[in-house]
C-alpha atoms as a PDB file:
ATOM      1  CA  MET A   1      16.239 -20.279   1.729  1.00  0.00           C
ATOM      2  CA  ALA A   2      19.206 -18.866  -0.295  1.00  0.00           C
ATOM      3  CA  LEU A   3      22.484 -19.979   1.116  1.00  0.00           C
ATOM      4  CA  THR A   4      26.189 -18.726   0.357  1.00  0.00           C
ATOM      5  CA  ALA A   5      29.448 -20.374   1.478  1.00  0.00           C
ATOM      6  CA  PHE A   6      29.155 -18.426   4.550  1.00  0.00           C
ATOM      7  CA  GLY A   7      25.537 -19.296   5.735  1.00  0.00           C
ATOM      8  CA  PRO A   8      22.232 -17.833   5.194  1.00  0.00           C
ATOM      9  CA  VAL A   9      21.771 -14.566   3.412  1.00  0.00           C
ATOM     10  CA  ARG A  10      21.047 -11.750   5.888  1.00  0.00           C
ATOM     11  CA  ALA A  11      19.025  -8.591   5.173  1.00  0.00           C
ATOM     12  CA  ALA A  12      20.634  -5.247   5.999  1.00  0.00           C
ATOM     13  CA  GLU A  13      16.957  -3.685   6.926  1.00  0.00           C
ATOM     14  CA  SER A  14      15.548  -4.572  10.232  1.00  0.00           C
ATOM     15  CA  ILE A  15      12.323  -6.529  10.679  1.00  0.00           C
ATOM     16  CA  GLU A  16      10.491  -3.388  12.088  1.00  0.00           C
ATOM     17  CA  PHE A  17      11.655  -1.375   9.160  1.00  0.00           C
ATOM     18  CA  VAL A  18      10.452  -3.872   6.503  1.00  0.00           C
ATOM     19  CA  ALA A  19       7.151  -4.449   8.450  1.00  0.00           C
ATOM     20  CA  GLU A  20       6.155  -0.922   8.313  1.00  0.00           C
ATOM     21  CA  HIS A  21       7.161  -0.772   4.600  1.00  0.00           C
ATOM     22  CA  LEU A  22       5.045  -3.618   3.487  1.00  0.00           C
ATOM     23  CA  ALA A  23       1.959  -2.252   4.773  1.00  0.00           C
ATOM     24  CA  GLU A  24       2.648   1.294   3.433  1.00  0.00           C
ATOM     25  CA  ILE A  25       3.193  -0.063  -0.011  1.00  0.00           C
ATOM     26  CA  ALA A  26      -0.063  -1.897   0.025  1.00  0.00           C
ATOM     27  CA  MET A  27      -1.662   1.520   0.652  1.00  0.00           C
ATOM     28  CA  ASP A  28       0.110   2.985  -1.989  1.00  0.00           C
ATOM     29  CA  ASP A  29      -1.128   0.254  -4.480  1.00  0.00           C
ATOM     30  CA  ARG A  30      -4.768   1.146  -3.159  1.00  0.00           C
ATOM     31  CA  TYR A  31      -4.061   4.930  -3.917  1.00  0.00           C
ATOM     32  CA  ALA A  32      -2.761   3.957  -7.428  1.00  0.00           C
ATOM     33  CA  SER A  33      -5.902   1.972  -8.291  1.00  0.00           C
ATOM     34  CA  LEU A  34      -8.441   4.554  -7.182  1.00  0.00           C
ATOM     35  CA  PRO A  35     -11.365   4.694  -9.784  1.00  0.00           C
ATOM     36  CA  LEU A  36     -10.957   8.475 -10.470  1.00  0.00           C
ATOM     37  CA  TRP A  37     -10.643   8.254 -14.410  1.00  0.00           C
ATOM     38  CA  SER A  38     -13.776   6.322 -15.506  1.00  0.00           C
ATOM     39  CA  GLY A  39     -14.239   7.959 -18.916  1.00  0.00           C
ATOM     40  CA  CYS A  40     -17.965   7.992 -18.412  1.00  0.00           C
ATOM     41  CA  ASP A  41     -19.951  11.101 -19.251  1.00  0.00           C
ATOM     42  CA  ASP A  42     -23.277  10.018 -17.939  1.00  0.00           C
ATOM     43  CA  THR A  43     -24.256   8.497 -14.616  1.00  0.00           C
ATOM     44  CA  CYS A  44     -22.655   4.982 -14.515  1.00  0.00           C
ATOM     45  CA  PHE A  45     -21.163   2.504 -12.061  1.00  0.00           C
ATOM     46  CA  ASN A  46     -17.708   0.920 -12.158  1.00  0.00           C
ATOM     47  CA  LEU A  47     -16.208  -2.148 -10.633  1.00  0.00           C
ATOM     48  CA  SER A  48     -12.234  -2.310 -10.279  1.00  0.00           C
ATOM     49  CA  VAL A  49     -10.513  -5.628  -9.778  1.00  0.00           C
ATOM     50  CA  ALA A  50      -6.964  -5.609  -9.014  1.00  0.00           C
ATOM     51  CA  TYR A  51      -4.038  -7.963  -7.675  1.00  0.00           C
ATOM     52  CA  ALA A  52      -0.991  -6.734  -5.727  1.00  0.00           C
ATOM     53  CA  GLN A  53       2.139  -8.474  -4.306  1.00  0.00           C
ATOM     54  CA  SER A  54       5.085  -7.160  -2.782  1.00  0.00           C
ATOM     55  CA  HIS A  55       8.336  -8.977  -1.449  1.00  0.00           C
ATOM     56  CA  SER A  56      11.211  -8.236   0.770  1.00  0.00           C
ATOM     57  CA  ASP A  57      13.274 -11.577   0.712  1.00  0.00           C
ATOM     58  CA  THR A  58      10.828 -14.171   1.758  1.00  0.00           C
ATOM     59  CA  LEU A  59       8.527 -11.631   3.382  1.00  0.00           C
ATOM     60  CA  SER A  60       5.403 -10.950   1.439  1.00  0.00           C
ATOM     61  CA  ILE A  61       2.091  -9.088   1.244  1.00  0.00           C
ATOM     62  CA  ALA A  62      -0.281 -10.172  -1.561  1.00  0.00           C
ATOM     63  CA  GLY A  63      -4.007 -10.464  -2.671  1.00  0.00           C
ATOM     64  CA  PRO A  64      -6.908  -9.037  -4.449  1.00  0.00           C
ATOM     65  CA  MET A  65      -8.080  -5.517  -4.214  1.00  0.00           C
ATOM     66  CA  LEU A  66     -11.775  -4.589  -5.135  1.00  0.00           C
ATOM     67  CA  SER A  67     -13.778  -1.392  -5.445  1.00  0.00           C
ATOM     68  CA  LEU A  68     -17.074  -0.319  -6.476  1.00  0.00           C
ATOM     69  CA  GLY A  69     -17.722   3.473  -7.661  1.00  0.00           C
ATOM     70  CA  VAL A  70     -20.636   5.279  -9.151  1.00  0.00           C
ATOM     71  CA  SER A  71     -20.179   8.831 -10.959  1.00  0.00           C
ATOM     72  CA  LYS A  72     -22.970  11.576 -11.727  1.00  0.00           C
ATOM     73  CA  PRO A  73     -22.550  14.666 -13.762  1.00  0.00           C
ATOM     74  CA  ILE A  74     -23.766  17.528 -11.711  1.00  0.00           C
ATOM     75  CA  GLY A  75     -23.165  20.389 -14.401  1.00  0.00           C
ATOM     76  CA  GLU A  76     -21.592  20.788 -17.903  1.00  0.00           C
ATOM     77  CA  ALA A  77     -18.069  20.429 -16.790  1.00  0.00           C
ATOM     78  CA  LEU A  78     -18.301  18.851 -13.229  1.00  0.00           C
ATOM     79  CA  LYS A  79     -19.053  15.114 -12.029  1.00  0.00           C
ATOM     80  CA  LEU A  80     -19.420  13.837  -8.504  1.00  0.00           C
ATOM     81  CA  SER A  81     -18.067  10.372  -7.619  1.00  0.00           C
ATOM     82  CA  GLY A  82     -18.142   7.990  -4.693  1.00  0.00           C
ATOM     83  CA  PHE A  83     -16.499   4.671  -4.226  1.00  0.00           C
ATOM     84  CA  VAL A  84     -16.083   1.895  -1.553  1.00  0.00           C
ATOM     85  CA  PHE A  85     -13.085  -0.470  -1.539  1.00  0.00           C
ATOM     86  CA  PHE A  86     -11.932  -3.684   0.205  1.00  0.00           C
ATOM     87  CA  ASP A  87      -8.392  -5.354  -0.150  1.00  0.00           C
ATOM     88  CA  ASP A  88      -7.967  -8.710   1.339  1.00  0.00           C
ATOM     89  CA  LEU A  89      -4.199  -9.364   1.486  1.00  0.00           C
ATOM     90  CA  ALA A  90      -2.082 -12.264   2.937  1.00  0.00           C
ATOM     91  CA  LEU A  91       1.003 -11.740   5.198  1.00  0.00           C
ATOM     92  CA  ARG A  92       3.584 -14.670   4.640  1.00  0.00           C
ATOM     93  CA  SER A  93       7.225 -15.416   5.240  1.00  0.00           C
ATOM     94  CA  GLY A  94       9.638 -18.101   5.109  1.00  0.00           C
ATOM     95  CA  VAL A  95      12.867 -18.192   7.414  1.00  0.00           C
ATOM     96  CA  GLU A  96      14.045 -14.471   7.613  1.00  0.00           C
ATOM     97  CA  HIS A  97      17.411 -13.368   8.801  1.00  0.00           C
ATOM     98  CA  ARG A  98      17.452  -9.733   9.829  1.00  0.00           C
ATOM     99  CA  PRO A  99      18.371  -7.477  12.604  1.00  0.00           C
ATOM    100  CA  LEU A 100      15.939  -7.230  15.651  1.00  0.00           C
ATOM    101  CA  GLU A 101      15.296  -3.780  16.344  1.00  0.00           C
ATOM    102  CA  VAL A 102      12.494  -2.587  18.611  1.00  0.00           C
ATOM    103  CA  THR A 103      11.639   1.094  18.876  1.00  0.00           C
ATOM    104  CA  PHE A 104       8.082   0.694  20.135  1.00  0.00           C
ATOM    105  CA  SER A 105       9.315  -0.235  23.576  1.00  0.00           C
ATOM    106  CA  THR A 106      12.501  -0.981  25.563  1.00  0.00           C
ATOM    107  CA  PRO A 107      12.993  -4.780  26.053  1.00  0.00           C
ATOM    108  CA  PRO A 108      16.063  -5.882  28.178  1.00  0.00           C
ATOM    109  CA  LEU A 109      18.028  -6.935  25.299  1.00  0.00           C
ATOM    110  CA  THR A 110      21.049  -5.709  23.396  1.00  0.00           C
ATOM    111  CA  LEU A 111      19.664  -4.425  20.315  1.00  0.00           C
ATOM    112  CA  PRO A 112      19.954  -4.419  17.021  1.00  0.00           C
ATOM    113  CA  ALA A 113      20.672  -7.914  17.192  1.00  0.00           C
ATOM    114  CA  GLU A 114      20.960 -10.526  14.129  1.00  0.00           C
ATOM    115  CA  SER A 115      17.940 -12.853  14.540  1.00  0.00           C
ATOM    116  CA  GLU A 116      16.053 -15.371  12.681  1.00  0.00           C
ATOM    117  CA  PHE A 117      12.112 -14.756  12.269  1.00  0.00           C
ATOM    118  CA  THR A 118       9.650 -17.556  11.433  1.00  0.00           C
ATOM    119  CA  GLY A 119       6.082 -18.407  11.563  1.00  0.00           C
ATOM    120  CA  LEU A 120       4.364 -15.437   9.783  1.00  0.00           C
ATOM    121  CA  ASP A 121       0.757 -16.286   8.796  1.00  0.00           C
ATOM    122  CA  GLY A 122      -1.450 -13.342   8.863  1.00  0.00           C
ATOM    123  CA  SER A 123      -3.740 -10.998   7.048  1.00  0.00           C
ATOM    124  CA  ALA A 124      -3.950  -7.316   5.901  1.00  0.00           C
ATOM    125  CA  ARG A 125      -7.450  -5.937   5.365  1.00  0.00           C
ATOM    126  CA  ASP A 126      -7.508  -2.266   3.818  1.00  0.00           C
ATOM    127  CA  SER A 127     -10.999  -1.137   3.492  1.00  0.00           C
ATOM    128  CA  GLY A 128     -12.643   2.364   3.169  1.00  0.00           C
ATOM    129  CA  LEU A 129     -14.827   4.792   1.191  1.00  0.00           C
ATOM    130  CA  GLY A 130     -14.236   8.199  -0.492  1.00  0.00           C
ATOM    131  CA  ILE A 131     -15.727  10.864  -2.613  1.00  0.00           C
ATOM    132  CA  ALA A 132     -14.305  13.073  -5.393  1.00  0.00           C
ATOM    133  CA  LEU A 133     -15.077  15.844  -7.532  1.00  0.00           C
ATOM    134  CA  ASN A 134     -13.883  15.771 -11.322  1.00  0.00           C
ATOM    135  CA  GLY A 135     -13.822  18.677 -13.529  1.00  0.00           C
ATOM    136  CA  LYS A 136     -12.473  19.775 -16.985  1.00  0.00           C
ATOM    137  CA  THR A 137     -10.063  22.672 -17.375  1.00  0.00           C
ATOM    138  CA  LYS A 138      -8.314  24.150 -20.351  1.00  0.00           C
ATOM    139  CA  TRP A 139      -5.390  26.616 -19.833  1.00  0.00           C
ATOM    140  CA  SER A 140      -3.698  28.429 -22.675  1.00  0.00           C
ATOM    141  CA  TRP A 141      -0.306  26.885 -22.240  1.00  0.00           C
ATOM    142  CA  LEU A 142      -1.466  23.125 -21.399  1.00  0.00           C
ATOM    143  CA  PRO A 143      -3.804  20.883 -23.343  1.00  0.00           C
ATOM    144  CA  TRP A 144      -7.159  20.481 -21.724  1.00  0.00           C
ATOM    145  CA  PHE A 145      -7.150  18.208 -18.898  1.00  0.00           C
ATOM    146  CA  GLU A 146      -9.343  16.640 -16.251  1.00  0.00           C
ATOM    147  CA  TRP A 147      -8.761  16.997 -12.448  1.00  0.00           C
ATOM    148  CA  SER A 148      -9.952  15.296  -9.544  1.00  0.00           C
ATOM    149  CA  ALA A 149      -9.921  16.299  -5.774  1.00  0.00           C
ATOM    150  CA  GLY A 150     -11.544  14.455  -2.968  1.00  0.00           C
ATOM    151  CA  VAL A 151     -11.187  12.616   0.347  1.00  0.00           C
ATOM    152  CA  MET A 152     -11.288   9.111   1.431  1.00  0.00           C
ATOM    153  CA  TRP A 153     -11.301   7.276   4.797  1.00  0.00           C
ATOM    154  CA  GLN A 154      -9.641   4.028   5.078  1.00  0.00           C
ATOM    155  CA  GLN A 155      -8.695   1.478   7.799  1.00  0.00           C
ATOM    156  CA  MET A 156      -5.611  -0.909   7.512  1.00  0.00           C
ATOM    157  CA  ARG A 157      -6.222  -3.780   9.878  1.00  0.00           C
ATOM    158  CA  LEU A 158      -3.086  -6.008  10.420  1.00  0.00           C
ATOM    159  CA  HIS A 159      -4.207  -9.401  12.133  1.00  0.00           C
ATOM    160  CA  ASP A 160      -1.562 -12.196  13.169  1.00  0.00           C
ATOM    161  CA  TYR A 161       1.172  -9.811  11.843  1.00  0.00           C
ATOM    162  CA  ARG A 162       3.369 -12.007  14.261  1.00  0.00           C
ATOM    163  CA  PHE A 163       6.807 -13.744  14.137  1.00  0.00           C
ATOM    164  CA  SER A 164       8.677 -16.239  16.496  1.00  0.00           C
ATOM    165  CA  TYR A 165      12.248 -14.928  16.838  1.00  0.00           C
ATOM    166  CA  ARG A 166      15.647 -16.282  17.978  1.00  0.00           C
ATOM    167  CA  ILE A 167      18.550 -14.017  18.383  1.00  0.00           C
ATOM    168  CA  LEU A 168      21.836 -15.387  16.772  1.00  0.00           C
ATOM    169  CA  GLU A 169      24.433 -13.013  17.927  1.00  0.00           C
ATOM    170  CA  GLY A 170      25.521 -10.958  20.761  1.00  0.00           C
ATOM    171  CA  PRO A 171      24.985 -10.999  24.197  1.00  0.00           C
ATOM    172  CA  ASP A 172      21.717 -12.366  24.080  1.00  0.00           C
ATOM    173  CA  VAL A 173      22.214 -15.146  21.658  1.00  0.00           C
ATOM    174  CA  GLY A 174      19.907 -17.956  21.740  1.00  0.00           C
ATOM    175  CA  THR A 175      17.129 -15.881  23.254  1.00  0.00           C
ATOM    176  CA  THR A 176      13.541 -16.570  21.814  1.00  0.00           C
ATOM    177  CA  GLY A 177      10.305 -15.033  21.828  1.00  0.00           C
ATOM    178  CA  THR A 178       7.426 -13.468  19.797  1.00  0.00           C
ATOM    179  CA  LEU A 179       7.308 -10.114  17.993  1.00  0.00           C
ATOM    180  CA  ASP A 180       3.777  -8.875  16.861  1.00  0.00           C
ATOM    181  CA  TYR A 181       2.853  -5.913  14.747  1.00  0.00           C
ATOM    182  CA  SER A 182      -0.865  -6.623  14.673  1.00  0.00           C
ATOM    183  CA  THR A 183      -2.925  -3.560  15.005  1.00  0.00           C
ATOM    184  CA  THR A 184      -5.402  -1.152  13.100  1.00  0.00           C
ATOM    185  CA  TYR A 185      -4.403   2.089  11.531  1.00  0.00           C
ATOM    186  CA  SER A 186      -7.105   4.677  10.511  1.00  0.00           C
ATOM    187  CA  HIS A 187      -6.582   7.562   8.270  1.00  0.00           C
ATOM    188  CA  VAL A 188      -8.499  10.299   6.557  1.00  0.00           C
ATOM    189  CA  SER A 189      -6.632  10.761   3.075  1.00  0.00           C
ATOM    190  CA  PRO A 190      -7.127  13.721   0.906  1.00  0.00           C
ATOM    191  CA  PHE A 191      -6.032  13.288  -2.757  1.00  0.00           C
ATOM    192  CA  VAL A 192      -5.652  15.126  -5.871  1.00  0.00           C
ATOM    193  CA  GLY A 193      -4.937  14.326  -9.472  1.00  0.00           C
ATOM    194  CA  ALA A 194      -5.043  15.188 -13.214  1.00  0.00           C
ATOM    195  CA  ALA A 195      -5.634  13.270 -16.413  1.00  0.00           C
ATOM    196  CA  TRP A 196      -5.323  14.127 -19.947  1.00  0.00           C
ATOM    197  CA  PRO A 197      -7.966  11.774 -21.579  1.00  0.00           C
ATOM    198  CA  ARG A 198      -7.886  11.084 -25.420  1.00  0.00           C
ATOM    199  CA  THR A 199      -9.708   9.216 -27.813  1.00  0.00           C
ATOM    200  CA  ARG A 200      -8.610   7.557 -30.996  1.00  0.00           C
ATOM    201  CA  GLY A 201     -11.298   5.315 -32.763  1.00  0.00           C
ATOM    202  CA  ALA A 202     -12.505   2.447 -30.415  1.00  0.00           C
ATOM    203  CA  TRP A 203      -9.621   3.260 -27.867  1.00  0.00           C
ATOM    204  CA  HIS A 204      -9.589   5.563 -25.248  1.00  0.00           C
ATOM    205  CA  TYR A 205      -6.230   6.855 -23.399  1.00  0.00           C
ATOM    206  CA  ALA A 206      -5.995   8.718 -20.009  1.00  0.00           C
ATOM    207  CA  PRO A 207      -2.428   9.365 -18.870  1.00  0.00           C
ATOM    208  CA  HIS A 208      -2.927  10.551 -15.153  1.00  0.00           C
ATOM    209  CA  PHE A 209      -1.175  11.169 -11.956  1.00  0.00           C
ATOM    210  CA  GLN A 210      -2.407  11.587  -8.308  1.00  0.00           C
ATOM    211  CA  ALA A 211      -1.174  12.173  -4.996  1.00  0.00           C
ATOM    212  CA  ALA A 212      -2.485  11.214  -1.668  1.00  0.00           C
ATOM    213  CA  TRP A 213      -1.910  12.089   2.028  1.00  0.00           C
ATOM    214  CA  PRO A 214      -2.979   9.807   4.768  1.00  0.00           C
ATOM    215  CA  LEU A 215      -3.654  11.646   7.919  1.00  0.00           C
ATOM    216  CA  PRO A 216      -2.598  11.681  10.580  1.00  0.00           C
ATOM    217  CA  ARG A 217       0.803   9.770  10.539  1.00  0.00           C
ATOM    218  CA  ARG A 218       0.812   7.112  13.015  1.00  0.00           C
ATOM    219  CA  GLY A 219       3.440   5.316  15.270  1.00  0.00           C
ATOM    220  CA  VAL A 220       4.323   1.868  14.513  1.00  0.00           C
ATOM    221  CA  ALA A 221       2.759  -0.477  17.228  1.00  0.00           C
ATOM    222  CA  GLY A 222       4.041  -3.651  18.380  1.00  0.00           C
ATOM    223  CA  HIS A 223       4.255  -6.253  20.901  1.00  0.00           C
ATOM    224  CA  ILE A 224       7.440  -8.263  22.252  1.00  0.00           C
ATOM    225  CA  THR A 225       7.670 -11.063  24.418  1.00  0.00           C
ATOM    226  CA  GLY A 226      10.686 -12.917  25.631  1.00  0.00           C
ATOM    227  CA  PRO A 227      12.179 -14.436  28.981  1.00  0.00           C
ATOM    228  CA  GLY A 228      10.745 -12.438  31.755  1.00  0.00           C
ATOM    229  CA  PHE A 229       9.241  -9.630  29.760  1.00  0.00           C
ATOM    230  CA  ASP A 230       6.003  -8.958  27.974  1.00  0.00           C
ATOM    231  CA  LEU A 231       6.098  -5.417  26.417  1.00  0.00           C
ATOM    232  CA  ALA A 232       3.705  -3.389  24.011  1.00  0.00           C
ATOM    233  CA  GLY A 233       3.738   0.242  22.792  1.00  0.00           C
ATOM    234  CA  SER A 234       4.153   2.482  19.924  1.00  0.00           C
ATOM    235  CA  THR A 235       6.778   4.459  18.353  1.00  0.00           C
ATOM    236  CA  ALA A 236       4.429   7.377  18.755  1.00  0.00           C
ATOM    237  CA  ASP A 237       5.159   7.031  22.594  1.00  0.00           C
ATOM    238  CA  HIS A 238       8.692   8.117  21.707  1.00  0.00           C
ATOM    239  CA  GLY A 239       8.030  10.871  19.504  1.00  0.00           C
ATOM    240  CA  ASN A 240       8.358   8.891  16.291  1.00  0.00           C
ATOM    241  CA  THR A 241       5.132   8.946  13.801  1.00  0.00           C
ATOM    242  CA  PRO A 242       6.640   7.116  10.413  1.00  0.00           C
ATOM    243  CA  PHE A 243       3.405   5.201   9.337  1.00  0.00           C
ATOM    244  CA  GLY A 244       1.285   6.641   6.799  1.00  0.00           C
ATOM    245  CA  ASP A 245       3.565   8.131   3.932  1.00  0.00           C
ATOM    246  CA  PRO A 246       2.567  10.405   1.141  1.00  0.00           C
ATOM    247  CA  SER A 247       1.839   8.911  -2.106  1.00  0.00           C
ATOM    248  CA  LEU A 248       2.566  10.016  -5.597  1.00  0.00           C
ATOM    249  CA  THR A 249       1.233   7.598  -8.358  1.00  0.00           C
ATOM    250  CA  ILE A 250       1.692   7.776 -12.256  1.00  0.00           C
ATOM    251  CA  GLY A 251      -0.722   5.809 -14.571  1.00  0.00           C
ATOM    252  CA  LEU A 252      -1.981   5.217 -18.087  1.00  0.00           C
ATOM    253  CA  ASN A 253      -5.663   3.990 -18.449  1.00  0.00           C
ATOM    254  CA  VAL A 254      -6.199   2.155 -21.730  1.00  0.00           C
ATOM    255  CA  THR A 255     -10.016   1.575 -22.518  1.00  0.00           C
ATOM    256  CA  TYR A 256     -11.440  -0.507 -25.192  1.00  0.00           C
ATOM    257  CA  GLU A 257     -14.642   1.461 -25.550  1.00  0.00           C
ATOM    258  CA  PRO A 258     -16.999  -1.249 -27.159  1.00  0.00           C
ATOM    259  CA  TRP A 259     -16.486  -3.367 -24.039  1.00  0.00           C
ATOM    260  CA  ASP A 260     -16.097  -0.417 -21.443  1.00  0.00           C
ATOM    261  CA  LEU A 261     -12.820  -2.233 -20.246  1.00  0.00           C
ATOM    262  CA  THR A 262      -9.862  -0.541 -18.926  1.00  0.00           C
ATOM    263  CA  VAL A 263      -6.374  -1.566 -18.016  1.00  0.00           C
ATOM    264  CA  ASP A 264      -3.987   0.693 -16.057  1.00  0.00           C
ATOM    265  CA  VAL A 265      -0.957  -0.294 -17.742  1.00  0.00           C
ATOM    266  CA  GLY A 266       0.858   2.898 -16.587  1.00  0.00           C
ATOM    267  CA  THR A 267       0.496   2.146 -12.904  1.00  0.00           C
ATOM    268  CA  THR A 268       1.628  -1.516 -13.213  1.00  0.00           C
ATOM    269  CA  ILE A 269       5.008  -0.295 -14.746  1.00  0.00           C
ATOM    270  CA  THR A 270       5.454   2.707 -12.496  1.00  0.00           C
ATOM    271  CA  GLN A 271       4.547   0.703  -9.229  1.00  0.00           C
ATOM    272  CA  VAL A 272       7.181  -1.898 -10.264  1.00  0.00           C
ATOM    273  CA  LEU A 273       9.899   0.501 -10.917  1.00  0.00           C
ATOM    274  CA  LEU A 274       9.194   3.309  -8.333  1.00  0.00           C
ATOM    275  CA  GLU A 275       8.036   1.527  -5.062  1.00  0.00           C
ATOM    276  CA  PRO A 276      11.049  -0.476  -4.242  1.00  0.00           C
ATOM    277  CA  LEU A 277      13.037   2.953  -4.466  1.00  0.00           C
ATOM    278  CA  ILE A 278      10.361   4.846  -2.382  1.00  0.00           C
ATOM    279  CA  HIS A 279      10.053   1.916   0.323  1.00  0.00           C
ATOM    280  CA  GLU A 280      13.569   0.787   0.847  1.00  0.00           C
ATOM    281  CA  GLY A 281      13.729  -2.733   1.727  1.00  0.00           C
ATOM    282  CA  VAL A 282      10.810  -3.894  -0.361  1.00  0.00           C
ATOM    283  CA  SER A 283      12.638  -5.666  -3.451  1.00  0.00           C
ATOM    284  CA  GLU A 284       9.576  -5.831  -5.662  1.00  0.00           C
ATOM    285  CA  ASN A 285       6.191  -4.569  -6.128  1.00  0.00           C
ATOM    286  CA  LEU A 286       3.491  -5.772  -8.655  1.00  0.00           C
ATOM    287  CA  MET A 287      -0.045  -4.499  -9.428  1.00  0.00           C
ATOM    288  CA  ILE A 288      -2.542  -5.146 -12.148  1.00  0.00           C
ATOM    289  CA  SER A 289      -5.502  -3.211 -12.201  1.00  0.00           C
ATOM    290  CA  VAL A 290      -8.603  -3.582 -14.462  1.00  0.00           C
ATOM    291  CA  PHE A 291     -11.959  -1.981 -14.228  1.00  0.00           C
ATOM    292  CA  TRP A 292     -15.406  -2.012 -16.009  1.00  0.00           C
ATOM    293  CA  ASN A 293     -17.995   0.758 -16.591  1.00  0.00           C
ATOM    294  CA  PHE A 294     -21.651  -0.217 -16.687  1.00  0.00           C
ATOM    295  CA  ASP A 295     -25.118   1.702 -16.345  1.00  0.00           C
END
């Protein structure tokens, strides 16, 4: 725990705000690593292996991400692809000092209030499947490119996303209880993208971008206990559905063709730089994605 001359460092963002963003940034990392640009002209399979980790002070979500895909030409300029994925992520924290804010229910507390949070030892499992259609297009004002459009179903399951809290300031100082964001969010997410693949010798390059929209947006679900109360609810009950942000990712696939090995170096760079700006309160995000094509 970092200390200053005045005591523990306290984050400006509330625990609810950051708890939502950690799960959403994991979903963004999944969209960024979708196996859409395999560079395979014939029927082939691809295996994608990635690792992602995000931090906000001592809060973290981290773990491996796996997907298996298959693509098949269905014409001279069209290709049909399908994929399944499973991301097994751990939710951890040390001792957190943040405002306790509850918008999914109305506990009998004076909130927001500076509080201490401990005990997070949970998991986040994002799984699903999707289908995409890829094609090649050439416009007079733009170099030829490959496009992709599709839809995926995904389920983000948050298990034991639970803290013990102790209020540090205000009328309720010393109050203790538990705060739990465990739930399952399901989305149908359409996506589109474009890539400009080029080959030079044994190397294949594919700068690309893609956008995804998880639908519908969901309310943040939660459960809080304390002296004399035990309340659960969702921010959707109060007209607020913040969970499930649209995603825009930018990447650069670099493939060594003799090995059919691809590393998305562009996505690694842009996810590091952009995600902490898009999801405030998340201080760092790292994702490394590698995939192989095989017959």
